[in-house]
C-alpha atoms as a PDB file:
ATOM      1  CA  MET A   1      -1.386  11.108  14.407  1.00  0.00           C
ATOM      2  CA  ASP A   2      -2.246  14.514  15.878  1.00  0.00           C
ATOM      3  CA  LYS A   3      -3.555  14.985  19.436  1.00  0.00           C
ATOM      4  CA  LEU A   4      -7.194  15.300  18.430  1.00  0.00           C
ATOM      5  CA  SER A   5      -7.137  12.160  16.292  1.00  0.00           C
ATOM      6  CA  GLN A   6      -5.508  10.329  19.182  1.00  0.00           C
ATOM      7  CA  ILE A   7      -8.215  11.557  21.589  1.00  0.00           C
ATOM      8  CA  GLU A   8     -10.954  10.473  19.175  1.00  0.00           C
ATOM      9  CA  LYS A   9      -9.424   7.026  18.811  1.00  0.00           C
ATOM     10  CA  GLU A  10      -8.732   6.465  22.524  1.00  0.00           C
ATOM     11  CA  ASP A  11     -12.052   7.847  23.775  1.00  0.00           C
ATOM     12  CA  LYS A  12     -14.105   6.471  20.862  1.00  0.00           C
ATOM     13  CA  ILE A  13     -15.642   9.868  20.112  1.00  0.00           C
ATOM     14  CA  LEU A  14     -16.121  12.065  17.044  1.00  0.00           C
ATOM     15  CA  LEU A  15     -15.050  15.664  17.469  1.00  0.00           C
ATOM     16  CA  PRO A  16     -16.733  18.192  15.185  1.00  0.00           C
ATOM     17  CA  GLN A  17     -14.629  20.176  12.723  1.00  0.00           C
ATOM     18  CA  ILE A  18     -15.771  23.423  14.340  1.00  0.00           C
ATOM     19  CA  TYR A  19     -14.139  22.335  17.610  1.00  0.00           C
ATOM     20  CA  LYS A  20     -10.983  21.189  15.814  1.00  0.00           C
ATOM     21  CA  ASP A  21     -10.696  24.632  14.212  1.00  0.00           C
ATOM     22  CA  PHE A  22     -11.209  26.301  17.620  1.00  0.00           C
ATOM     23  CA  TYR A  23      -8.579  24.012  19.161  1.00  0.00           C
ATOM     24  CA  ARG A  24      -6.036  24.822  16.456  1.00  0.00           C
ATOM     25  CA  ARG A  25      -6.738  28.532  16.647  1.00  0.00           C
ATOM     26  CA  CYS A  26      -6.275  28.490  20.432  1.00  0.00           C
ATOM     27  CA  SER A  27      -3.058  26.501  19.990  1.00  0.00           C
ATOM     28  CA  ARG A  28      -1.623  29.462  18.087  1.00  0.00           C
ATOM     29  CA  SER A  29      -3.012  32.209  20.316  1.00  0.00           C
ATOM     30  CA  ILE A  30      -5.393  32.173  23.284  1.00  0.00           C
ATOM     31  CA  PRO A  31      -8.237  34.668  22.762  1.00  0.00           C
ATOM     32  CA  GLU A  32      -7.959  37.578  25.199  1.00  0.00           C
ATOM     33  CA  ASN A  33     -11.228  36.808  26.977  1.00  0.00           C
ATOM     34  CA  LEU A  34     -10.107  33.222  27.621  1.00  0.00           C
ATOM     35  CA  VAL A  35      -7.060  34.205  29.654  1.00  0.00           C
ATOM     36  CA  GLY A  36      -7.338  32.328  32.962  1.00  0.00           C
ATOM     37  CA  THR A  37      -9.405  29.573  31.374  1.00  0.00           C
ATOM     38  CA  ASP A  38      -7.869  26.148  30.912  1.00  0.00           C
ATOM     39  CA  LEU A  39      -8.324  24.644  27.474  1.00  0.00           C
ATOM     40  CA  ARG A  40      -8.051  21.046  26.384  1.00  0.00           C
ATOM     41  CA  ASN A  41      -5.001  22.126  24.362  1.00  0.00           C
ATOM     42  CA  HIS A  42      -2.896  22.164  27.530  1.00  0.00           C
ATOM     43  CA  TYR A  43      -4.901  19.978  29.908  1.00  0.00           C
ATOM     44  CA  PRO A  44      -5.792  16.655  28.274  1.00  0.00           C
ATOM     45  CA  ASP A  45      -7.605  15.210  31.319  1.00  0.00           C
ATOM     46  CA  MET A  46     -10.345  17.811  31.693  1.00  0.00           C
ATOM     47  CA  ASN A  47     -13.093  15.205  31.970  1.00  0.00           C
ATOM     48  CA  ILE A  48     -11.363  13.876  35.075  1.00  0.00           C
ATOM     49  CA  GLY A  49     -11.175  17.386  36.562  1.00  0.00           C
ATOM     50  CA  ALA A  50     -14.847  17.949  35.775  1.00  0.00           C
ATOM     51  CA  ILE A  51     -15.847  14.706  37.502  1.00  0.00           C
ATOM     52  CA  GLU A  52     -13.749  15.686  40.529  1.00  0.00           C
ATOM     53  CA  LEU A  53     -15.583  19.033  40.686  1.00  0.00           C
ATOM     54  CA  LEU A  54     -18.958  17.281  40.529  1.00  0.00           C
ATOM     55  CA  GLU A  55     -17.889  14.873  43.293  1.00  0.00           C
ATOM     56  CA  GLU A  56     -16.653  17.751  45.478  1.00  0.00           C
ATOM     57  CA  ASP A  57     -19.991  19.503  44.976  1.00  0.00           C
ATOM     58  CA  GLY A  58     -21.921  16.343  45.814  1.00  0.00           C
ATOM     59  CA  ALA A  59     -23.584  16.697  42.416  1.00  0.00           C
ATOM     60  CA  GLU A  60     -24.832  13.917  40.202  1.00  0.00           C
ATOM     61  CA  ILE A  61     -22.154  12.669  37.800  1.00  0.00           C
ATOM     62  CA  PHE A  62     -24.074  13.473  34.636  1.00  0.00           C
ATOM     63  CA  LEU A  63     -21.131  13.294  32.209  1.00  0.00           C
ATOM     64  CA  GLU A  64     -21.372  10.375  29.804  1.00  0.00           C
ATOM     65  CA  SER A  65     -18.598   8.607  27.902  1.00  0.00           C
ATOM     66  CA  ASP A  66     -19.133  10.737  24.775  1.00  0.00           C
ATOM     67  CA  ASP A  67     -19.233  14.058  26.628  1.00  0.00           C
ATOM     68  CA  PHE A  68     -16.109  16.093  25.886  1.00  0.00           C
ATOM     69  CA  VAL A  69     -15.021  18.720  28.417  1.00  0.00           C
ATOM     70  CA  PHE A  70     -13.077  21.304  26.439  1.00  0.00           C
ATOM     71  CA  MET A  71     -12.763  24.263  28.842  1.00  0.00           C
ATOM     72  CA  MET A  72     -12.553  24.765  32.581  1.00  0.00           C
ATOM     73  CA  HIS A  73     -12.340  28.079  34.426  1.00  0.00           C
ATOM     74  CA  GLN A  74     -10.542  28.387  37.754  1.00  0.00           C
ATOM     75  CA  GLY A  75     -11.610  24.863  38.742  1.00  0.00           C
ATOM     76  CA  TYR A  76     -15.227  25.828  39.440  1.00  0.00           C
ATOM     77  CA  MET A  77     -16.797  25.970  35.974  1.00  0.00           C
ATOM     78  CA  PHE A  78     -16.531  23.749  32.920  1.00  0.00           C
ATOM     79  CA  TRP A  79     -18.012  23.494  29.436  1.00  0.00           C
ATOM     80  CA  TYR A  80     -18.610  20.374  27.410  1.00  0.00           C
ATOM     81  CA  PHE A  81     -20.440  18.965  24.428  1.00  0.00           C
ATOM     82  CA  LYS A  82     -21.489  15.536  23.225  1.00  0.00           C
ATOM     83  CA  ALA A  83     -18.790  14.334  20.786  1.00  0.00           C
ATOM     84  CA  ASN A  84     -21.042  12.105  18.727  1.00  0.00           C
ATOM     85  CA  GLY A  85     -20.497  13.450  15.225  1.00  0.00           C
ATOM     86  CA  ASN A  86     -22.904  16.398  15.395  1.00  0.00           C
ATOM     87  CA  PRO A  87     -21.201  19.125  13.308  1.00  0.00           C
ATOM     88  CA  ASP A  88     -22.388  21.936  15.639  1.00  0.00           C
ATOM     89  CA  PRO A  89     -23.137  20.383  19.033  1.00  0.00           C
ATOM     90  CA  ILE A  90     -24.896  22.020  21.948  1.00  0.00           C
ATOM     91  CA  VAL A  91     -22.480  23.296  24.599  1.00  0.00           C
ATOM     92  CA  PHE A  92     -23.384  22.784  28.245  1.00  0.00           C
ATOM     93  CA  GLY A  93     -21.837  24.697  31.104  1.00  0.00           C
ATOM     94  CA  TYR A  94     -21.600  23.598  34.718  1.00  0.00           C
ATOM     95  CA  HIS A  95     -20.976  26.086  37.512  1.00  0.00           C
ATOM     96  CA  GLU A  96     -19.990  25.021  41.021  1.00  0.00           C
ATOM     97  CA  ASN A  97     -22.937  24.409  43.378  1.00  0.00           C
ATOM     98  CA  ARG A  98     -25.512  24.106  40.608  1.00  0.00           C
ATOM     99  CA  LEU A  99     -27.672  21.015  40.377  1.00  0.00           C
ATOM    100  CA  LYS A 100     -27.414  20.611  36.626  1.00  0.00           C
ATOM    101  CA  PRO A 101     -25.586  22.094  33.649  1.00  0.00           C
ATOM    102  CA  ASP A 102     -26.928  24.992  31.600  1.00  0.00           C
ATOM    103  CA  ASN A 103     -27.593  24.780  27.868  1.00  0.00           C
ATOM    104  CA  MET A 104     -25.305  27.399  26.310  1.00  0.00           C
ATOM    105  CA  GLY A 105     -26.538  26.939  22.739  1.00  0.00           C
ATOM    106  CA  CYS A 106     -24.730  25.560  19.722  1.00  0.00           C
ATOM    107  CA  PHE A 107     -20.940  25.564  19.592  1.00  0.00           C
ATOM    108  CA  SER A 108     -20.782  28.028  16.677  1.00  0.00           C
ATOM    109  CA  ASN A 109     -22.692  30.649  18.672  1.00  0.00           C
ATOM    110  CA  PHE A 110     -20.913  29.861  21.942  1.00  0.00           C
ATOM    111  CA  ILE A 111     -17.456  30.576  20.527  1.00  0.00           C
ATOM    112  CA  LYS A 112     -18.428  33.832  18.759  1.00  0.00           C
ATOM    113  CA  GLU A 113     -17.721  35.823  21.928  1.00  0.00           C
ATOM    114  CA  PHE A 114     -14.121  34.593  21.926  1.00  0.00           C
ATOM    115  CA  TYR A 115     -13.310  35.787  18.425  1.00  0.00           C
ATOM    116  CA  SER A 116     -12.828  39.509  18.126  1.00  0.00           C
END
């Protein structure tokens, strides 16, 4: 069983194929404009780190059990989507000291900036 299948089984989530392709591509080579950004490929407990950031900020813990944090930047920003089977989920981004996450649009558009 590969890592993503294991995550889906353990967390009872459904990751979209578009994310799985992104994950595999980043496993081979990190896109240049993601240098300095932690990816789920190397940090399997990103949801925990995201919750810690929210707690440190005194923010509401808005992450739900099917929210999947897939990137975190320098410990003060993270991006996530609802892993509920949607083939192109909306990505949300949280930035330190904000009250709520921002809607970053669908995953397919969000990742376009990382592919040159």
